[in-house]
Protein backbone atom coordinates (compact mmCIF):
# COMPACT_ATOMS: atom_id res chain seq x y z
CA UNK A 1 71.76 99.90 183.12
CA UNK A 2 68.18 101.21 182.84
CA UNK A 3 69.44 104.69 182.01
CA UNK A 4 71.48 103.31 179.13
CA UNK A 5 68.55 101.23 177.89
CA UNK A 6 66.31 104.32 177.98
CA UNK A 7 68.89 106.34 176.07
CA UNK A 8 69.25 103.61 173.43
CA UNK A 9 65.46 103.39 173.10
CA UNK A 10 65.29 107.14 172.50
CA UNK A 11 68.00 107.02 169.83
CA UNK A 12 66.29 104.06 168.16
CA UNK A 13 63.05 106.07 168.11
CA UNK A 14 64.81 109.04 166.53
CA UNK A 15 66.36 106.82 163.85
CA UNK A 16 63.01 105.16 163.09
CA UNK A 17 61.38 108.61 162.91
CA UNK A 18 63.96 109.79 160.39
CA UNK A 19 63.60 106.62 158.31
CA UNK A 20 59.85 107.19 158.16
CA UNK A 21 60.52 110.37 156.20
CA UNK A 22 61.47 108.25 153.20
CA UNK A 23 60.13 104.77 153.89
CA UNK A 24 56.81 103.23 154.76
CA UNK A 25 57.42 100.81 157.61
CA UNK A 26 54.40 98.75 158.64
CA UNK A 27 53.39 99.14 162.28
CA UNK A 28 56.02 101.88 162.73
CA UNK A 29 53.73 104.13 164.76
CA UNK A 30 52.95 101.29 167.17
CA UNK A 31 56.66 100.58 167.51
CA UNK A 32 57.35 104.27 168.21
CA UNK A 33 54.60 104.39 170.84
CA UNK A 34 56.09 101.35 172.60
CA UNK A 35 59.57 102.88 172.45
CA UNK A 36 58.11 106.13 173.80
CA UNK A 37 56.62 104.30 176.78
CA UNK A 38 60.05 102.76 177.49
CA UNK A 39 61.67 106.20 177.23
CA UNK A 40 59.06 107.69 179.57
CA UNK A 41 59.64 104.95 182.13
CA UNK A 42 63.43 104.75 182.00
CA UNK A 43 64.83 107.97 180.62
CA UNK A 44 63.00 110.91 182.21
CA UNK A 45 63.73 111.54 185.88
CA UNK A 46 61.44 113.34 188.29
CA UNK A 47 63.80 116.33 188.13
CA UNK A 48 63.44 116.49 184.33
CA UNK A 49 59.71 115.79 184.17
CA UNK A 50 58.42 119.36 184.06
CA UNK A 51 60.88 120.46 181.37
CA UNK A 52 60.19 117.33 179.34
CA UNK A 53 56.43 117.84 179.49
CA UNK A 54 56.70 121.49 178.45
CA UNK A 55 59.06 120.63 175.58
CA UNK A 56 56.70 117.89 174.41
CA UNK A 57 53.74 120.26 174.53
CA UNK A 58 55.61 122.80 172.39
CA UNK A 59 56.78 120.11 169.96
CA UNK A 60 53.29 118.69 169.47
CA UNK A 61 51.70 122.13 169.12
CA UNK A 62 54.32 123.35 166.65
CA UNK A 63 54.20 120.10 164.72
CA UNK A 64 50.45 120.32 164.27
CA UNK A 65 50.56 124.02 163.39
CA UNK A 66 53.41 123.69 160.88
CA UNK A 67 52.57 120.34 159.31
CA UNK A 68 50.78 121.92 156.36
CA UNK A 69 53.75 124.13 155.51
CA UNK A 70 56.35 121.36 155.32
CA UNK A 71 57.35 118.96 152.60
CA UNK A 72 56.30 115.34 152.87
CA UNK A 73 59.55 113.85 154.25
CA UNK A 74 59.85 116.47 156.98
CA UNK A 75 56.16 116.17 157.82
CA UNK A 76 56.46 112.37 158.15
CA UNK A 77 59.57 112.66 160.32
CA UNK A 78 57.90 115.19 162.59
CA UNK A 79 54.71 113.13 162.92
CA UNK A 80 56.73 110.04 163.80
CA UNK A 81 58.81 111.94 166.36
CA UNK A 82 55.63 113.34 167.89
CA UNK A 83 54.29 109.78 168.28
CA UNK A 84 57.49 108.88 170.13
CA UNK A 85 57.60 111.89 172.44
CA UNK A 86 53.85 112.11 173.08
CA UNK A 87 53.71 108.53 174.31
CA UNK A 88 56.70 109.19 176.56
CA UNK A 89 54.96 112.34 177.83
CA UNK A 90 51.83 110.40 178.79
CA UNK A 91 53.95 108.06 180.91
CA UNK A 92 55.85 110.96 182.51
CA UNK A 93 52.61 112.82 183.23
CA UNK A 94 51.11 109.73 184.87
CA UNK A 95 54.26 109.31 186.98
CA UNK A 96 53.98 112.96 188.05
CA UNK A 97 50.31 112.62 189.01
CA UNK A 98 51.14 109.48 191.01
CA UNK A 99 53.99 111.20 192.85
CA UNK A 100 51.79 114.22 193.67
CA UNK A 101 49.03 112.01 195.05
CA UNK A 102 51.51 109.82 196.90
CA UNK A 103 52.93 112.89 198.67
CA UNK A 104 49.52 113.82 200.10
């Protein structure tokens, strides 16, 4: 059940990110951050954590580096998606730190 809820939260975040390319939704970034936290808690397993964190790092770095070269809709979509994945990455990173310390 939690896995499905995490998957649905991720897809909702992707849809909101795409909509933000053409619409201005109030409080959308806050909503994406909250959805990202849910995704980080429910959707990323310990086995997937390292790959997820590396992929998020690449996405954020590329998004920042390329944001000036993109048109406005694509730039808005990418910024929204980064808000979603970065907040999920913070949760996953904290879970990883906790599990490392717990193992000691």
